Amino acid sequence: MLMDESERSTDSHDHWVSDAFARFERPLLAYACRLAGGDFDSAQDAVQETFLRMCRQSRDRVEGHLAAWLFSVCRSRVIDMQRSKCVMPTGAPAAAITDPDPGPETALQRDEESVHLSALIDRLSPRQQEVLRLRLQAQLSYREIAEVTGLSISNVGFHLHAAVRSLRDALHGV
């Protein structure tokens, strides 16, 4: 039995949504959790709303820049949620996602390094923290980060360079 055009279109859309969810759920959760000051429940709500909006959006409108679109929508949702609560983001640590099978020594070392690096990142400006996380955790391009944050591409590069320089200096005791 052959599928008609509408069944193929629905199947293709479902596959597109599933692929996007599999690829972006964790990076969006980490990003939203950080923006929400460590409030994992709010982050989950923001990510869920982001994917619901994606499902309602025409695939053609977002396909060429899906990552930037998702992070931008998620960012807006977190900011809207914070405004409705009258709460500003804080430097609280995000929920850590760790390797499920590290040895005890490796796990301890990773935890110590993670805590130290997290403390150093918390010393960066909020803008530097955001662009650094979008680049390293979400693996967005400079252009995509610019779309998410509203900065120019060169300004994204400036903030990333300043963040990396500050972290390197702090790690080397400069």
C-alpha atoms as a PDB file:
ATOM      1  CA  MET A   1       0.000   0.000   0.000  1.00  0.00           C
ATOM      2  CA  LEU A   2       1.409   3.395  -0.988  1.00  0.00           C
ATOM      3  CA  MET A   3       1.359   6.431   1.286  1.00  0.00           C
ATOM      4  CA  ASP A   4      -0.382   9.496  -0.008  1.00  0.00           C
ATOM      5  CA  GLU A   5       1.338  12.925  -0.018  1.00  0.00           C
ATOM      6  CA  SER A   6      -0.090  14.064   3.343  1.00  0.00           C
ATOM      7  CA  GLU A   7       1.058  10.868   5.117  1.00  0.00           C
ATOM      8  CA  ARG A   8       4.598  11.275   3.730  1.00  0.00           C
ATOM      9  CA  SER A   9       4.616  14.926   4.772  1.00  0.00           C
ATOM     10  CA  THR A  10       3.432  14.100   8.302  1.00  0.00           C
ATOM     11  CA  ASP A  11       5.969  11.284   8.604  1.00  0.00           C
ATOM     12  CA  SER A  12       8.758  13.604   7.414  1.00  0.00           C
ATOM     13  CA  HIS A  13       7.705  16.330   9.887  1.00  0.00           C
ATOM     14  CA  ASP A  14       7.592  13.804  12.759  1.00  0.00           C
ATOM     15  CA  HIS A  15      11.071  12.575  11.852  1.00  0.00           C
ATOM     16  CA  TRP A  16      12.370  16.169  11.707  1.00  0.00           C
ATOM     17  CA  VAL A  17      10.910  16.915  15.160  1.00  0.00           C
ATOM     18  CA  SER A  18      12.328  13.692  16.630  1.00  0.00           C
ATOM     19  CA  ASP A  19      15.783  14.399  15.222  1.00  0.00           C
ATOM     20  CA  ALA A  20      15.741  17.969  16.546  1.00  0.00           C
ATOM     21  CA  PHE A  21      14.625  16.782  19.968  1.00  0.00           C
ATOM     22  CA  ALA A  22      17.341  14.118  20.141  1.00  0.00           C
ATOM     23  CA  ARG A  23      20.028  16.577  19.073  1.00  0.00           C
ATOM     24  CA  PHE A  24      19.065  19.672  21.048  1.00  0.00           C
ATOM     25  CA  GLU A  25      17.194  18.598  24.198  1.00  0.00           C
ATOM     26  CA  ARG A  26      20.241  18.273  26.481  1.00  0.00           C
ATOM     27  CA  PRO A  27      22.095  21.368  25.244  1.00  0.00           C
ATOM     28  CA  LEU A  28      18.889  23.422  25.542  1.00  0.00           C
ATOM     29  CA  LEU A  29      18.265  22.093  29.071  1.00  0.00           C
ATOM     30  CA  ALA A  30      21.793  22.974  30.159  1.00  0.00           C
ATOM     31  CA  TYR A  31      21.507  26.442  28.609  1.00  0.00           C
ATOM     32  CA  ALA A  32      18.048  27.125  30.049  1.00  0.00           C
ATOM     33  CA  CYS A  33      19.047  25.828  33.479  1.00  0.00           C
ATOM     34  CA  ARG A  34      21.978  28.205  33.558  1.00  0.00           C
ATOM     35  CA  LEU A  35      19.857  31.142  32.439  1.00  0.00           C
ATOM     36  CA  ALA A  36      17.222  30.242  35.029  1.00  0.00           C
ATOM     37  CA  GLY A  37      19.781  30.377  37.811  1.00  0.00           C
ATOM     38  CA  GLY A  38      19.894  26.612  38.289  1.00  0.00           C
ATOM     39  CA  ASP A  39      16.111  26.182  38.423  1.00  0.00           C
ATOM     40  CA  PHE A  40      15.858  22.853  36.590  1.00  0.00           C
ATOM     41  CA  ASP A  41      12.033  22.776  36.671  1.00  0.00           C
ATOM     42  CA  SER A  42      11.820  26.172  34.979  1.00  0.00           C
ATOM     43  CA  ALA A  43      14.447  25.073  32.469  1.00  0.00           C
ATOM     44  CA  GLN A  44      12.403  21.982  31.606  1.00  0.00           C
ATOM     45  CA  ASP A  45       9.299  24.142  31.142  1.00  0.00           C
ATOM     46  CA  ALA A  46      11.181  26.534  28.866  1.00  0.00           C
ATOM     47  CA  VAL A  47      12.618  23.715  26.743  1.00  0.00           C
ATOM     48  CA  GLN A  48       9.230  22.014  26.485  1.00  0.00           C
ATOM     49  CA  GLU A  49       7.644  25.269  25.321  1.00  0.00           C
ATOM     50  CA  THR A  50      10.502  25.737  22.836  1.00  0.00           C
ATOM     51  CA  PHE A  51       9.856  22.344  21.231  1.00  0.00           C
ATOM     52  CA  LEU A  52       6.103  22.939  21.206  1.00  0.00           C
ATOM     53  CA  ARG A  53       6.695  26.178  19.322  1.00  0.00           C
ATOM     54  CA  MET A  54       8.991  24.344  16.923  1.00  0.00           C
ATOM     55  CA  CYS A  55       6.230  21.801  16.227  1.00  0.00           C
ATOM     56  CA  ARG A  56       3.855  24.624  15.363  1.00  0.00           C
ATOM     57  CA  GLN A  57       6.436  26.415  13.228  1.00  0.00           C
ATOM     58  CA  SER A  58       6.758  25.839   9.517  1.00  0.00           C
ATOM     59  CA  ARG A  59       9.820  23.693   8.890  1.00  0.00           C
ATOM     60  CA  ASP A  60      10.810  25.857   5.930  1.00  0.00           C
ATOM     61  CA  ARG A  61      11.033  28.965   8.160  1.00  0.00           C
ATOM     62  CA  VAL A  62      13.587  27.499  10.588  1.00  0.00           C
ATOM     63  CA  GLU A  63      15.397  24.639   8.853  1.00  0.00           C
ATOM     64  CA  GLY A  64      18.449  26.612   7.730  1.00  0.00           C
ATOM     65  CA  HIS A  65      19.059  28.019  11.211  1.00  0.00           C
ATOM     66  CA  LEU A  66      17.319  25.574  13.536  1.00  0.00           C
ATOM     67  CA  ALA A  67      19.930  25.660  16.324  1.00  0.00           C
ATOM     68  CA  ALA A  68      19.925  29.447  16.527  1.00  0.00           C
ATOM     69  CA  TRP A  69      16.122  29.513  16.351  1.00  0.00           C
ATOM     70  CA  LEU A  70      15.744  26.964  19.177  1.00  0.00           C
ATOM     71  CA  PHE A  71      18.227  28.692  21.472  1.00  0.00           C
ATOM     72  CA  SER A  72      16.701  32.084  20.735  1.00  0.00           C
ATOM     73  CA  VAL A  73      13.169  30.874  21.509  1.00  0.00           C
ATOM     74  CA  CYS A  74      14.403  29.095  24.637  1.00  0.00           C
ATOM     75  CA  ARG A  75      16.247  32.211  25.803  1.00  0.00           C
ATOM     76  CA  SER A  76      13.175  34.354  25.271  1.00  0.00           C
ATOM     77  CA  ARG A  77      11.018  31.866  27.157  1.00  0.00           C
ATOM     78  CA  VAL A  78      13.360  31.803  30.166  1.00  0.00           C
ATOM     79  CA  ILE A  79      13.492  35.604  30.229  1.00  0.00           C
ATOM     80  CA  ASP A  80       9.681  35.799  30.005  1.00  0.00           C
ATOM     81  CA  MET A  81       9.333  33.292  32.846  1.00  0.00           C
ATOM     82  CA  GLN A  82      11.764  35.279  34.997  1.00  0.00           C
ATOM     83  CA  ARG A  83       9.957  38.523  34.304  1.00  0.00           C
ATOM     84  CA  SER A  84       6.683  36.958  35.362  1.00  0.00           C
ATOM     85  CA  LYS A  85       8.343  35.815  38.605  1.00  0.00           C
ATOM     86  CA  CYS A  86      10.279  39.093  38.977  1.00  0.00           C
ATOM     87  CA  VAL A  87      13.451  37.046  39.429  1.00  0.00           C
ATOM     88  CA  MET A  88      16.749  37.788  37.746  1.00  0.00           C
ATOM     89  CA  PRO A  89      19.209  35.011  36.842  1.00  0.00           C
ATOM     90  CA  THR A  90      21.839  34.221  39.454  1.00  0.00           C
ATOM     91  CA  GLY A  91      25.164  32.491  39.363  1.00  0.00           C
ATOM     92  CA  ALA A  92      23.841  29.254  40.873  1.00  0.00           C
ATOM     93  CA  PRO A  93      25.458  26.167  39.360  1.00  0.00           C
ATOM     94  CA  ALA A  94      23.592  24.335  36.652  1.00  0.00           C
ATOM     95  CA  ALA A  95      22.580  20.720  37.022  1.00  0.00           C
ATOM     96  CA  ALA A  96      25.643  18.626  36.322  1.00  0.00           C
ATOM     97  CA  ILE A  97      25.457  15.843  33.796  1.00  0.00           C
ATOM     98  CA  THR A  98      28.241  13.375  34.491  1.00  0.00           C
ATOM     99  CA  ASP A  99      29.623  10.246  32.877  1.00  0.00           C
ATOM    100  CA  PRO A 100      27.609   7.332  34.317  1.00  0.00           C
ATOM    101  CA  ASP A 101      30.613   4.961  34.617  1.00  0.00           C
ATOM    102  CA  PRO A 102      33.748   6.850  35.681  1.00  0.00           C
ATOM    103  CA  GLY A 103      36.107   5.269  38.177  1.00  0.00           C
ATOM    104  CA  PRO A 104      36.127   6.857  41.645  1.00  0.00           C
ATOM    105  CA  GLU A 105      39.461   8.666  41.136  1.00  0.00           C
ATOM    106  CA  THR A 106      38.447   9.916  37.716  1.00  0.00           C
ATOM    107  CA  ALA A 107      35.055  11.015  39.003  1.00  0.00           C
ATOM    108  CA  LEU A 108      36.606  12.893  41.921  1.00  0.00           C
ATOM    109  CA  GLN A 109      39.143  14.590  39.690  1.00  0.00           C
ATOM    110  CA  ARG A 110      36.460  15.594  37.166  1.00  0.00           C
ATOM    111  CA  ASP A 111      34.231  16.911  39.952  1.00  0.00           C
ATOM    112  CA  GLU A 112      37.055  19.021  41.390  1.00  0.00           C
ATOM    113  CA  GLU A 113      37.983  20.378  37.967  1.00  0.00           C
ATOM    114  CA  SER A 114      34.351  21.068  37.166  1.00  0.00           C
ATOM    115  CA  VAL A 115      33.800  22.951  40.422  1.00  0.00           C
ATOM    116  CA  HIS A 116      36.969  24.995  39.876  1.00  0.00           C
ATOM    117  CA  LEU A 117      36.115  25.811  36.272  1.00  0.00           C
ATOM    118  CA  SER A 118      32.505  26.612  37.192  1.00  0.00           C
ATOM    119  CA  ALA A 119      33.739  29.062  39.843  1.00  0.00           C
ATOM    120  CA  LEU A 120      36.028  30.714  37.288  1.00  0.00           C
ATOM    121  CA  ILE A 121      33.211  30.945  34.741  1.00  0.00           C
ATOM    122  CA  ASP A 122      30.957  32.509  37.394  1.00  0.00           C
ATOM    123  CA  ARG A 123      33.491  35.349  37.670  1.00  0.00           C
ATOM    124  CA  LEU A 124      33.007  36.235  33.993  1.00  0.00           C
ATOM    125  CA  SER A 125      30.475  38.860  32.999  1.00  0.00           C
ATOM    126  CA  PRO A 126      26.961  37.499  32.327  1.00  0.00           C
ATOM    127  CA  ARG A 127      27.383  38.218  28.596  1.00  0.00           C
ATOM    128  CA  GLN A 128      30.718  36.364  28.470  1.00  0.00           C
ATOM    129  CA  GLN A 129      29.188  33.421  30.331  1.00  0.00           C
ATOM    130  CA  GLU A 130      26.299  33.241  27.898  1.00  0.00           C
ATOM    131  CA  VAL A 131      28.331  33.387  24.678  1.00  0.00           C
ATOM    132  CA  LEU A 132      30.885  30.926  26.081  1.00  0.00           C
ATOM    133  CA  ARG A 133      28.181  28.391  26.950  1.00  0.00           C
ATOM    134  CA  LEU A 134      26.428  28.825  23.602  1.00  0.00           C
ATOM    135  CA  ARG A 135      29.728  28.208  21.829  1.00  0.00           C
ATOM    136  CA  LEU A 136      31.103  25.341  23.922  1.00  0.00           C
ATOM    137  CA  GLN A 137      28.033  23.573  25.292  1.00  0.00           C
ATOM    138  CA  ALA A 138      25.572  24.184  22.496  1.00  0.00           C
ATOM    139  CA  GLN A 139      28.256  24.255  19.779  1.00  0.00           C
ATOM    140  CA  LEU A 140      26.629  27.183  18.003  1.00  0.00           C
ATOM    141  CA  SER A 141      28.530  29.158  15.382  1.00  0.00           C
ATOM    142  CA  TYR A 142      29.335  32.838  15.926  1.00  0.00           C
ATOM    143  CA  ARG A 143      26.511  33.713  13.544  1.00  0.00           C
ATOM    144  CA  GLU A 144      24.036  31.553  15.469  1.00  0.00           C
ATOM    145  CA  ILE A 145      25.167  33.046  18.785  1.00  0.00           C
ATOM    146  CA  ALA A 146      24.668  36.504  17.289  1.00  0.00           C
ATOM    147  CA  GLU A 147      21.121  35.548  16.274  1.00  0.00           C
ATOM    148  CA  VAL A 148      20.343  34.207  19.753  1.00  0.00           C
ATOM    149  CA  THR A 149      21.801  37.120  21.723  1.00  0.00           C
ATOM    150  CA  GLY A 150      21.199  40.026  19.366  1.00  0.00           C
ATOM    151  CA  LEU A 151      24.916  40.877  19.312  1.00  0.00           C
ATOM    152  CA  SER A 152      26.931  41.452  16.166  1.00  0.00           C
ATOM    153  CA  ILE A 153      29.160  38.601  15.027  1.00  0.00           C
ATOM    154  CA  SER A 154      32.283  40.632  15.817  1.00  0.00           C
ATOM    155  CA  ASN A 155      30.936  41.434  19.278  1.00  0.00           C
ATOM    156  CA  VAL A 156      30.349  37.705  19.866  1.00  0.00           C
ATOM    157  CA  GLY A 157      33.991  37.105  18.937  1.00  0.00           C
ATOM    158  CA  PHE A 158      35.123  39.872  21.267  1.00  0.00           C
ATOM    159  CA  HIS A 159      33.180  38.442  24.235  1.00  0.00           C
ATOM    160  CA  LEU A 160      34.396  34.891  23.530  1.00  0.00           C
ATOM    161  CA  HIS A 161      37.998  36.034  23.249  1.00  0.00           C
ATOM    162  CA  ALA A 162      37.740  38.039  26.483  1.00  0.00           C
ATOM    163  CA  ALA A 163      36.140  35.077  28.295  1.00  0.00           C
ATOM    164  CA  VAL A 164      38.784  32.599  27.135  1.00  0.00           C
ATOM    165  CA  ARG A 165      41.586  35.037  27.975  1.00  0.00           C
ATOM    166  CA  SER A 166      40.158  35.595  31.474  1.00  0.00           C
ATOM    167  CA  LEU A 167      39.809  31.853  32.073  1.00  0.00           C
ATOM    168  CA  ARG A 168      43.320  31.136  30.800  1.00  0.00           C
ATOM    169  CA  ASP A 169      44.791  33.889  32.994  1.00  0.00           C
ATOM    170  CA  ALA A 170      42.902  32.607  36.028  1.00  0.00           C
ATOM    171  CA  LEU A 171      44.001  29.011  35.416  1.00  0.00           C
ATOM    172  CA  HIS A 172      47.645  30.051  35.024  1.00  0.00           C
ATOM    173  CA  GLY A 173      47.527  32.365  38.032  1.00  0.00           C
ATOM    174  CA  VAL A 174      48.153  35.565  36.077  1.00  0.00           C
END
